[in-house]
Amino acid sequence: MRQWTTLHPEFAFLPRKFKIAITGASEDRAATAWHNVGLKLVRNAAGELGFRVSAGGGMGRTPVIATLMREFLPWPHVMNYIEAIVRVYNRYGRRDNK
């Protein structure tokens, strides 16, 4: 994921910092609800691995808790899902207050 975000053109001109938090611990030690994208590794009822995805959090002057986007996203789809979130952020993110 780090290499993908470093080389991806969508990350080149973001309006502000963009933070992604990932955790696999039972307790949320990465504070995923306070980042632009929060990923928590979970298993569904069938035992498949995936991520609980939240987006839109922020730790600035007025902190915002992220919104739950998907309760379960199969792990092979996580990169496409993050790319979609980044595209929305890049298109509609605030550029007037850096």
PDB file of N, CA and C in Angstrom:
ATOM      1  N   MET A   1       0.825  -1.181   0.000  1.00  0.00           N
ATOM      2  CA  MET A   1       0.000   0.000   0.000  1.00  0.00           C
ATOM      3  C   MET A   1       0.879   1.259   0.000  1.00  0.00           C
ATOM      4  N   ARG A   2       1.970   1.248   0.776  1.00  0.00           N
ATOM      5  CA  ARG A   2       2.848   2.411   0.805  1.00  0.00           C
ATOM      6  C   ARG A   2       3.427   2.692  -0.564  1.00  0.00           C
ATOM      7  N   GLN A   3       3.901   1.659  -1.234  1.00  0.00           N
ATOM      8  CA  GLN A   3       4.492   1.854  -2.565  1.00  0.00           C
ATOM      9  C   GLN A   3       3.430   2.332  -3.558  1.00  0.00           C
ATOM     10  N   TRP A   4       2.236   1.782  -3.471  1.00  0.00           N
ATOM     11  CA  TRP A   4       1.158   2.179  -4.376  1.00  0.00           C
ATOM     12  C   TRP A   4       0.813   3.660  -4.187  1.00  0.00           C
ATOM     13  N   THR A   5       0.720   4.117  -2.943  1.00  0.00           N
ATOM     14  CA  THR A   5       0.372   5.518  -2.702  1.00  0.00           C
ATOM     15  C   THR A   5       1.503   6.458  -3.093  1.00  0.00           C
ATOM     16  N   THR A   6       2.742   5.999  -2.967  1.00  0.00           N
ATOM     17  CA  THR A   6       3.883   6.839  -3.328  1.00  0.00           C
ATOM     18  C   THR A   6       3.932   7.099  -4.830  1.00  0.00           C
ATOM     19  N   LEU A   7       3.619   6.116  -5.618  1.00  0.00           N
ATOM     20  CA  LEU A   7       3.746   6.228  -7.064  1.00  0.00           C
ATOM     21  C   LEU A   7       2.454   6.564  -7.790  1.00  0.00           C
ATOM     22  N   HIS A   8       1.331   6.572  -7.095  1.00  0.00           N
ATOM     23  CA  HIS A   8       0.041   6.792  -7.752  1.00  0.00           C
ATOM     24  C   HIS A   8      -0.161   8.273  -8.073  1.00  0.00           C
ATOM     25  N   PRO A   9      -0.518   8.610  -9.316  1.00  0.00           N
ATOM     26  CA  PRO A   9      -0.670  10.028  -9.685  1.00  0.00           C
ATOM     27  C   PRO A   9      -1.788  10.750  -8.935  1.00  0.00           C
ATOM     28  N   GLU A  10      -2.784  10.033  -8.467  1.00  0.00           N
ATOM     29  CA  GLU A  10      -3.887  10.665  -7.739  1.00  0.00           C
ATOM     30  C   GLU A  10      -3.407  11.274  -6.419  1.00  0.00           C
ATOM     31  N   PHE A  11      -2.295  10.785  -5.881  1.00  0.00           N
ATOM     32  CA  PHE A  11      -1.749  11.294  -4.626  1.00  0.00           C
ATOM     33  C   PHE A  11      -0.837  12.509  -4.831  1.00  0.00           C
ATOM     34  N   ALA A  12      -0.500  12.831  -6.060  1.00  0.00           N
ATOM     35  CA  ALA A  12       0.477  13.887  -6.331  1.00  0.00           C
ATOM     36  C   ALA A  12      -0.041  15.293  -6.017  1.00  0.00           C
ATOM     37  N   PHE A  13      -1.324  15.548  -6.170  1.00  0.00           N
ATOM     38  CA  PHE A  13      -1.851  16.902  -6.016  1.00  0.00           C
ATOM     39  C   PHE A  13      -3.023  16.983  -5.047  1.00  0.00           C
ATOM     40  N   LEU A  14      -2.948  16.223  -3.978  1.00  0.00           N
ATOM     41  CA  LEU A  14      -4.013  16.275  -2.975  1.00  0.00           C
ATOM     42  C   LEU A  14      -4.035  17.651  -2.314  1.00  0.00           C
ATOM     43  N   PRO A  15      -5.221  18.122  -1.916  1.00  0.00           N
ATOM     44  CA  PRO A  15      -5.313  19.460  -1.331  1.00  0.00           C
ATOM     45  C   PRO A  15      -4.700  19.582   0.056  1.00  0.00           C
ATOM     46  N   ARG A  16      -4.649  18.503   0.799  1.00  0.00           N
ATOM     47  CA  ARG A  16      -4.122  18.521   2.160  1.00  0.00           C
ATOM     48  C   ARG A  16      -3.463  17.181   2.435  1.00  0.00           C
ATOM     49  N   LYS A  17      -2.929  17.031   3.656  1.00  0.00           N
ATOM     50  CA  LYS A  17      -2.372  15.731   4.046  1.00  0.00           C
ATOM     51  C   LYS A  17      -3.471  14.671   3.966  1.00  0.00           C
ATOM     52  N   PHE A  18      -3.073  13.463   3.657  1.00  0.00           N
ATOM     53  CA  PHE A  18      -4.019  12.348   3.580  1.00  0.00           C
ATOM     54  C   PHE A  18      -3.440  11.201   4.384  1.00  0.00           C
ATOM     55  N   LYS A  19      -4.154  10.787   5.423  1.00  0.00           N
ATOM     56  CA  LYS A  19      -3.634   9.788   6.344  1.00  0.00           C
ATOM     57  C   LYS A  19      -4.471   8.518   6.290  1.00  0.00           C
ATOM     58  N   ILE A  20      -3.786   7.378   6.198  1.00  0.00           N
ATOM     59  CA  ILE A  20      -4.437   6.075   6.198  1.00  0.00           C
ATOM     60  C   ILE A  20      -3.930   5.310   7.413  1.00  0.00           C
ATOM     61  N   ALA A  21      -4.851   4.791   8.222  1.00  0.00           N
ATOM     62  CA  ALA A  21      -4.490   4.000   9.399  1.00  0.00           C
ATOM     63  C   ALA A  21      -4.990   2.574   9.214  1.00  0.00           C
ATOM     64  N   ILE A  22      -4.132   1.620   9.550  1.00  0.00           N
ATOM     65  CA  ILE A  22      -4.476   0.202   9.419  1.00  0.00           C
ATOM     66  C   ILE A  22      -4.176  -0.486  10.741  1.00  0.00           C
ATOM     67  N   THR A  23      -5.115  -1.323  11.187  1.00  0.00           N
ATOM     68  CA  THR A  23      -4.890  -2.096  12.399  1.00  0.00           C
ATOM     69  C   THR A  23      -5.443  -3.508  12.234  1.00  0.00           C
ATOM     70  N   GLY A  24      -4.803  -4.419  12.901  1.00  0.00           N
ATOM     71  CA  GLY A  24      -5.278  -5.792  12.944  1.00  0.00           C
ATOM     72  C   GLY A  24      -5.481  -6.246  14.379  1.00  0.00           C
ATOM     73  N   ALA A  25      -5.228  -5.344  15.307  1.00  0.00           N
ATOM     74  CA  ALA A  25      -5.357  -5.652  16.729  1.00  0.00           C
ATOM     75  C   ALA A  25      -6.823  -5.653  17.157  1.00  0.00           C
ATOM     76  N   SER A  26      -7.120  -6.355  18.226  1.00  0.00           N
ATOM     77  CA  SER A  26      -8.497  -6.383  18.723  1.00  0.00           C
ATOM     78  C   SER A  26      -8.921  -5.005  19.236  1.00  0.00           C
ATOM     79  N   GLU A  27      -7.964  -4.270  19.812  1.00  0.00           N
ATOM     80  CA  GLU A  27      -8.220  -2.887  20.223  1.00  0.00           C
ATOM     81  C   GLU A  27      -7.703  -1.967  19.116  1.00  0.00           C
ATOM     82  N   ASP A  28      -8.377  -0.879  18.901  1.00  0.00           N
ATOM     83  CA  ASP A  28      -8.002   0.040  17.813  1.00  0.00           C
ATOM     84  C   ASP A  28      -6.835   0.916  18.246  1.00  0.00           C
ATOM     85  N   ARG A  29      -5.630   0.381  18.182  1.00  0.00           N
ATOM     86  CA  ARG A  29      -4.441   1.113  18.607  1.00  0.00           C
ATOM     87  C   ARG A  29      -3.982   2.130  17.581  1.00  0.00           C
ATOM     88  N   ALA A  30      -4.485   2.054  16.363  1.00  0.00           N
ATOM     89  CA  ALA A  30      -4.093   2.992  15.308  1.00  0.00           C
ATOM     90  C   ALA A  30      -5.028   4.201  15.247  1.00  0.00           C
ATOM     91  N   ALA A  31      -6.050   4.220  16.078  1.00  0.00           N
ATOM     92  CA  ALA A  31      -7.032   5.316  16.083  1.00  0.00           C
ATOM     93  C   ALA A  31      -7.601   5.538  14.686  1.00  0.00           C
ATOM     94  N   THR A  32      -8.137   4.476  14.094  1.00  0.00           N
ATOM     95  CA  THR A  32      -8.613   4.530  12.708  1.00  0.00           C
ATOM     96  C   THR A  32      -9.737   5.542  12.493  1.00  0.00           C
ATOM     97  N   ALA A  33     -10.506   5.842  13.502  1.00  0.00           N
ATOM     98  CA  ALA A  33     -11.615   6.792  13.350  1.00  0.00           C
ATOM     99  C   ALA A  33     -11.147   8.237  13.222  1.00  0.00           C
ATOM    100  N   TRP A  34      -9.868   8.501  13.431  1.00  0.00           N
ATOM    101  CA  TRP A  34      -9.349   9.865  13.370  1.00  0.00           C
ATOM    102  C   TRP A  34      -8.527  10.129  12.115  1.00  0.00           C
ATOM    103  N   HIS A  35      -8.538   9.204  11.173  1.00  0.00           N
ATOM    104  CA  HIS A  35      -7.751   9.354   9.952  1.00  0.00           C
ATOM    105  C   HIS A  35      -8.664   9.501   8.739  1.00  0.00           C
ATOM    106  N   ASN A  36      -8.092   9.937   7.623  1.00  0.00           N
ATOM    107  CA  ASN A  36      -8.883  10.076   6.405  1.00  0.00           C
ATOM    108  C   ASN A  36      -9.474   8.743   5.970  1.00  0.00           C
ATOM    109  N   VAL A  37      -8.684   7.691   6.066  1.00  0.00           N
ATOM    110  CA  VAL A  37      -9.173   6.333   5.826  1.00  0.00           C
ATOM    111  C   VAL A  37      -8.696   5.466   6.978  1.00  0.00           C
ATOM    112  N   GLY A  38      -9.612   4.721   7.558  1.00  0.00           N
ATOM    113  CA  GLY A  38      -9.282   3.792   8.626  1.00  0.00           C
ATOM    114  C   GLY A  38      -9.650   2.380   8.212  1.00  0.00           C
ATOM    115  N   LEU A  39      -8.699   1.464   8.340  1.00  0.00           N
ATOM    116  CA  LEU A  39      -8.921   0.069   7.966  1.00  0.00           C
ATOM    117  C   LEU A  39      -8.669  -0.814   9.178  1.00  0.00           C
ATOM    118  N   LYS A  40      -9.657  -1.621   9.522  1.00  0.00           N
ATOM    119  CA  LYS A  40      -9.505  -2.569  10.627  1.00  0.00           C
ATOM    120  C   LYS A  40      -9.719  -3.960  10.060  1.00  0.00           C
ATOM    121  N   LEU A  41      -8.729  -4.826  10.219  1.00  0.00           N
ATOM    122  CA  LEU A  41      -8.801  -6.188   9.719  1.00  0.00           C
ATOM    123  C   LEU A  41      -9.827  -6.967  10.537  1.00  0.00           C
ATOM    124  N   VAL A  42     -10.784  -7.581   9.855  1.00  0.00           N
ATOM    125  CA  VAL A  42     -11.855  -8.341  10.523  1.00  0.00           C
ATOM    126  C   VAL A  42     -12.141  -9.615   9.738  1.00  0.00           C
ATOM    127  N   ARG A  43     -12.882 -10.516  10.364  1.00  0.00           N
ATOM    128  CA  ARG A  43     -13.388 -11.725   9.696  1.00  0.00           C
ATOM    129  C   ARG A  43     -14.905 -11.656   9.678  1.00  0.00           C
ATOM    130  N   ASN A  44     -15.502 -12.092   8.563  1.00  0.00           N
ATOM    131  CA  ASN A  44     -16.963 -12.127   8.500  1.00  0.00           C
ATOM    132  C   ASN A  44     -17.467 -13.446   9.071  1.00  0.00           C
ATOM    133  N   ALA A  45     -18.761 -13.690   8.985  1.00  0.00           N
ATOM    134  CA  ALA A  45     -19.365 -14.899   9.548  1.00  0.00           C
ATOM    135  C   ALA A  45     -18.835 -16.169   8.896  1.00  0.00           C
ATOM    136  N   ALA A  46     -18.414 -16.066   7.620  1.00  0.00           N
ATOM    137  CA  ALA A  46     -17.878 -17.224   6.905  1.00  0.00           C
ATOM    138  C   ALA A  46     -16.391 -17.436   7.183  1.00  0.00           C
ATOM    139  N   GLY A  47     -15.789 -16.554   7.966  1.00  0.00           N
ATOM    140  CA  GLY A  47     -14.374 -16.681   8.306  1.00  0.00           C
ATOM    141  C   GLY A  47     -13.426 -16.049   7.307  1.00  0.00           C
ATOM    142  N   GLU A  48     -13.958 -15.299   6.333  1.00  0.00           N
ATOM    143  CA  GLU A  48     -13.119 -14.649   5.326  1.00  0.00           C
ATOM    144  C   GLU A  48     -12.513 -13.372   5.899  1.00  0.00           C
ATOM    145  N   LEU A  49     -11.288 -13.079   5.472  1.00  0.00           N
ATOM    146  CA  LEU A  49     -10.619 -11.850   5.910  1.00  0.00           C
ATOM    147  C   LEU A  49     -11.058 -10.670   5.063  1.00  0.00           C
ATOM    148  N   GLY A  50     -11.184  -9.558   5.730  1.00  0.00           N
ATOM    149  CA  GLY A  50     -11.545  -8.326   5.041  1.00  0.00           C
ATOM    150  C   GLY A  50     -11.276  -7.146   5.957  1.00  0.00           C
ATOM    151  N   PHE A  51     -11.787  -5.994   5.555  1.00  0.00           N
ATOM    152  CA  PHE A  51     -11.561  -4.777   6.329  1.00  0.00           C
ATOM    153  C   PHE A  51     -12.864  -4.079   6.655  1.00  0.00           C
ATOM    154  N   ARG A  52     -12.898  -3.499   7.845  1.00  0.00           N
ATOM    155  CA  ARG A  52     -13.947  -2.552   8.223  1.00  0.00           C
ATOM    156  C   ARG A  52     -13.392  -1.202   7.802  1.00  0.00           C
ATOM    157  N   VAL A  53     -14.092  -0.500   6.915  1.00  0.00           N
ATOM    158  CA  VAL A  53     -13.567   0.721   6.311  1.00  0.00           C
ATOM    159  C   VAL A  53     -14.323   1.938   6.825  1.00  0.00           C
ATOM    160  N   SER A  54     -13.573   2.905   7.341  1.00  0.00           N
ATOM    161  CA  SER A  54     -14.156   4.193   7.717  1.00  0.00           C
ATOM    162  C   SER A  54     -13.394   5.287   6.976  1.00  0.00           C
ATOM    163  N   ALA A  55     -14.061   6.402   6.736  1.00  0.00           N
ATOM    164  CA  ALA A  55     -13.428   7.489   5.994  1.00  0.00           C
ATOM    165  C   ALA A  55     -13.943   8.834   6.483  1.00  0.00           C
ATOM    166  N   GLY A  56     -13.109   9.846   6.303  1.00  0.00           N
ATOM    167  CA  GLY A  56     -13.524  11.211   6.593  1.00  0.00           C
ATOM    168  C   GLY A  56     -13.131  11.740   7.951  1.00  0.00           C
ATOM    169  N   GLY A  57     -12.319  11.020   8.681  1.00  0.00           N
ATOM    170  CA  GLY A  57     -11.893  11.505   9.987  1.00  0.00           C
ATOM    171  C   GLY A  57     -10.832  12.583   9.854  1.00  0.00           C
ATOM    172  N   GLY A  58     -10.620  13.311  10.924  1.00  0.00           N
ATOM    173  CA  GLY A  58      -9.605  14.355  10.903  1.00  0.00           C
ATOM    174  C   GLY A  58      -9.160  14.721  12.292  1.00  0.00           C
ATOM    175  N   MET A  59      -7.887  15.117  12.424  1.00  0.00           N
ATOM    176  CA  MET A  59      -7.332  15.454  13.728  1.00  0.00           C
ATOM    177  C   MET A  59      -6.913  16.918  13.803  1.00  0.00           C
ATOM    178  N   GLY A  60      -7.506  17.758  13.017  1.00  0.00           N
ATOM    179  CA  GLY A  60      -7.129  19.161  12.977  1.00  0.00           C
ATOM    180  C   GLY A  60      -7.677  19.946  14.155  1.00  0.00           C
ATOM    181  N   ARG A  61      -7.818  21.242  13.943  1.00  0.00           N
ATOM    182  CA  ARG A  61      -8.297  22.137  15.005  1.00  0.00           C
ATOM    183  C   ARG A  61      -9.682  21.734  15.487  1.00  0.00           C
ATOM    184  N   THR A  62     -10.535  21.266  14.565  1.00  0.00           N
ATOM    185  CA  THR A  62     -11.854  20.752  14.928  1.00  0.00           C
ATOM    186  C   THR A  62     -11.918  19.286  14.527  1.00  0.00           C
ATOM    187  N   PRO A  63     -11.561  18.371  15.424  1.00  0.00           N
ATOM    188  CA  PRO A  63     -11.520  16.942  15.093  1.00  0.00           C
ATOM    189  C   PRO A  63     -12.869  16.420  14.610  1.00  0.00           C
ATOM    190  N   VAL A  64     -12.809  15.477  13.680  1.00  0.00           N
ATOM    191  CA  VAL A  64     -14.001  14.857  13.111  1.00  0.00           C
ATOM    192  C   VAL A  64     -13.824  13.346  13.190  1.00  0.00           C
ATOM    193  N   ILE A  65     -14.849  12.653  13.658  1.00  0.00           N
ATOM    194  CA  ILE A  65     -14.814  11.198  13.689  1.00  0.00           C
ATOM    195  C   ILE A  65     -15.248  10.684  12.327  1.00  0.00           C
ATOM    196  N   ALA A  66     -14.521   9.694  11.816  1.00  0.00           N
ATOM    197  CA  ALA A  66     -14.796   9.135  10.490  1.00  0.00           C
ATOM    198  C   ALA A  66     -16.164   8.454  10.439  1.00  0.00           C
ATOM    199  N   THR A  67     -16.687   8.369   9.226  1.00  0.00           N
ATOM    200  CA  THR A  67     -17.947   7.684   8.962  1.00  0.00           C
ATOM    201  C   THR A  67     -17.660   6.254   8.539  1.00  0.00           C
ATOM    202  N   LEU A  68     -18.432   5.321   9.036  1.00  0.00           N
ATOM    203  CA  LEU A  68     -18.274   3.931   8.630  1.00  0.00           C
ATOM    204  C   LEU A  68     -18.761   3.784   7.187  1.00  0.00           C
ATOM    205  N   MET A  69     -17.874   3.352   6.305  1.00  0.00           N
ATOM    206  CA  MET A  69     -18.219   3.197   4.891  1.00  0.00           C
ATOM    207  C   MET A  69     -18.669   1.771   4.583  1.00  0.00           C
ATOM    208  N   ARG A  70     -17.918   0.807   5.094  1.00  0.00           N
ATOM    209  CA  ARG A  70     -18.243  -0.606   4.872  1.00  0.00           C
ATOM    210  C   ARG A  70     -17.954  -1.382   6.145  1.00  0.00           C
ATOM    211  N   GLU A  71     -18.905  -2.169   6.582  1.00  0.00           N
ATOM    212  CA  GLU A  71     -18.695  -3.028   7.748  1.00  0.00           C
ATOM    213  C   GLU A  71     -17.737  -4.161   7.397  1.00  0.00           C
ATOM    214  N   PHE A  72     -17.826  -4.648   6.162  1.00  0.00           N
ATOM    215  CA  PHE A  72     -16.906  -5.692   5.702  1.00  0.00           C
ATOM    216  C   PHE A  72     -16.621  -5.503   4.219  1.00  0.00           C
ATOM    217  N   LEU A  73     -15.352  -5.337   3.900  1.00  0.00           N
ATOM    218  CA  LEU A  73     -14.891  -5.237   2.518  1.00  0.00           C
ATOM    219  C   LEU A  73     -13.870  -6.349   2.314  1.00  0.00           C
ATOM    220  N   PRO A  74     -14.109  -7.289   1.380  1.00  0.00           N
ATOM    221  CA  PRO A  74     -13.122  -8.355   1.149  1.00  0.00           C
ATOM    222  C   PRO A  74     -11.755  -7.765   0.833  1.00  0.00           C
ATOM    223  N   TRP A  75     -10.703  -8.343   1.408  1.00  0.00           N
ATOM    224  CA  TRP A  75      -9.369  -7.754   1.300  1.00  0.00           C
ATOM    225  C   TRP A  75      -8.894  -7.556  -0.135  1.00  0.00           C
ATOM    226  N   PRO A  76      -9.254  -8.378  -1.132  1.00  0.00           N
ATOM    227  CA  PRO A  76      -8.749  -8.109  -2.483  1.00  0.00           C
ATOM    228  C   PRO A  76      -9.262  -6.789  -3.086  1.00  0.00           C
ATOM    229  N   HIS A  77     -10.317  -6.224  -2.515  1.00  0.00           N
ATOM    230  CA  HIS A  77     -10.918  -5.001  -3.063  1.00  0.00           C
ATOM    231  C   HIS A  77     -10.458  -3.725  -2.366  1.00  0.00           C
ATOM    232  N   VAL A  78      -9.607  -3.842  -1.366  1.00  0.00           N
ATOM    233  CA  VAL A  78      -9.269  -2.681  -0.547  1.00  0.00           C
ATOM    234  C   VAL A  78      -8.538  -1.591  -1.331  1.00  0.00           C
ATOM    235  N   MET A  79      -7.644  -1.940  -2.234  1.00  0.00           N
ATOM    236  CA  MET A  79      -6.904  -0.912  -2.970  1.00  0.00           C
ATOM    237  C   MET A  79      -7.822  -0.120  -3.902  1.00  0.00           C
ATOM    238  N   ASN A  80      -8.742  -0.795  -4.577  1.00  0.00           N
ATOM    239  CA  ASN A  80      -9.696  -0.097  -5.437  1.00  0.00           C
ATOM    240  C   ASN A  80     -10.606   0.818  -4.617  1.00  0.00           C
ATOM    241  N   TYR A  81     -10.991   0.370  -3.444  1.00  0.00           N
ATOM    242  CA  TYR A  81     -11.862   1.159  -2.577  1.00  0.00           C
ATOM    243  C   TYR A  81     -11.149   2.417  -2.082  1.00  0.00           C
ATOM    244  N   ILE A  82      -9.887   2.250  -1.686  1.00  0.00           N
ATOM    245  CA  ILE A  82      -9.101   3.409  -1.246  1.00  0.00           C
ATOM    246  C   ILE A  82      -8.900   4.388  -2.399  1.00  0.00           C
ATOM    247  N   GLU A  83      -8.638   3.873  -3.588  1.00  0.00           N
ATOM    248  CA  GLU A  83      -8.462   4.752  -4.740  1.00  0.00           C
ATOM    249  C   GLU A  83      -9.720   5.582  -4.993  1.00  0.00           C
ATOM    250  N   ALA A  84     -10.886   4.981  -4.850  1.00  0.00           N
ATOM    251  CA  ALA A  84     -12.137   5.718  -5.033  1.00  0.00           C
ATOM    252  C   ALA A  84     -12.287   6.815  -3.980  1.00  0.00           C
ATOM    253  N   ILE A  85     -11.938   6.517  -2.730  1.00  0.00           N
ATOM    254  CA  ILE A  85     -12.013   7.519  -1.668  1.00  0.00           C
ATOM    255  C   ILE A  85     -11.050   8.671  -1.949  1.00  0.00           C
ATOM    256  N   VAL A  86      -9.840   8.340  -2.382  1.00  0.00           N
ATOM    257  CA  VAL A  86      -8.839   9.373  -2.683  1.00  0.00           C
ATOM    258  C   VAL A  86      -9.304  10.257  -3.841  1.00  0.00           C
ATOM    259  N   ARG A  87      -9.930   9.681  -4.843  1.00  0.00           N
ATOM    260  CA  ARG A  87     -10.420  10.479  -5.974  1.00  0.00           C
ATOM    261  C   ARG A  87     -11.487  11.478  -5.528  1.00  0.00           C
ATOM    262  N   VAL A  88     -12.369  11.050  -4.662  1.00  0.00           N
ATOM    263  CA  VAL A  88     -13.390  11.971  -4.135  1.00  0.00           C
ATOM    264  C   VAL A  88     -12.719  13.064  -3.316  1.00  0.00           C
ATOM    265  N   TYR A  89     -11.775  12.691  -2.470  1.00  0.00           N
ATOM    266  CA  TYR A  89     -11.059  13.666  -1.646  1.00  0.00           C
ATOM    267  C   TYR A  89     -10.295  14.657  -2.523  1.00  0.00           C
ATOM    268  N   ASN A  90      -9.652  14.154  -3.551  1.00  0.00           N
ATOM    269  CA  ASN A  90      -8.884  15.011  -4.450  1.00  0.00           C
ATOM    270  C   ASN A  90      -9.797  15.975  -5.202  1.00  0.00           C
ATOM    271  N   ARG A  91     -10.966  15.519  -5.560  1.00  0.00           N
ATOM    272  CA  ARG A  91     -11.890  16.357  -6.332  1.00  0.00           C
ATOM    273  C   ARG A  91     -12.600  17.392  -5.462  1.00  0.00           C
ATOM    274  N   TYR A  92     -13.033  16.983  -4.270  1.00  0.00           N
ATOM    275  CA  TYR A  92     -13.876  17.857  -3.450  1.00  0.00           C
ATOM    276  C   TYR A  92     -13.225  18.351  -2.158  1.00  0.00           C
ATOM    277  N   GLY A  93     -11.977  17.961  -1.906  1.00  0.00           N
ATOM    278  CA  GLY A  93     -11.303  18.388  -0.679  1.00  0.00           C
ATOM    279  C   GLY A  93     -11.034  19.883  -0.689  1.00  0.00           C
ATOM    280  N   ARG A  94     -10.971  20.466   0.501  1.00  0.00           N
ATOM    281  CA  ARG A  94     -10.746  21.927   0.611  1.00  0.00           C
ATOM    282  C   ARG A  94      -9.355  22.294   0.152  1.00  0.00           C
ATOM    283  N   ARG A  95      -9.277  23.201  -0.774  1.00  0.00           N
ATOM    284  CA  ARG A  95      -7.994  23.707  -1.253  1.00  0.00           C
ATOM    285  C   ARG A  95      -7.777  25.161  -0.816  1.00  0.00           C
ATOM    286  N   ASP A  96      -8.766  25.743  -0.159  1.00  0.00           N
ATOM    287  CA  ASP A  96      -8.667  27.149   0.244  1.00  0.00           C
ATOM    288  C   ASP A  96      -8.019  27.323   1.617  1.00  0.00           C
ATOM    289  N   ASN A  97      -7.854  26.256   2.382  1.00  0.00           N
ATOM    290  CA  ASN A  97      -7.341  26.364   3.741  1.00  0.00           C
ATOM    291  C   ASN A  97      -6.264  25.311   3.961  1.00  0.00           C
ATOM    292  N   LYS A  98      -5.075  25.559   3.437  1.00  0.00           N
ATOM    293  CA  LYS A  98      -3.983  24.608   3.585  1.00  0.00           C
ATOM    294  C   LYS A  98      -3.284  24.803   4.897  1.00  0.00           C
TER     295      LYS A  98
END
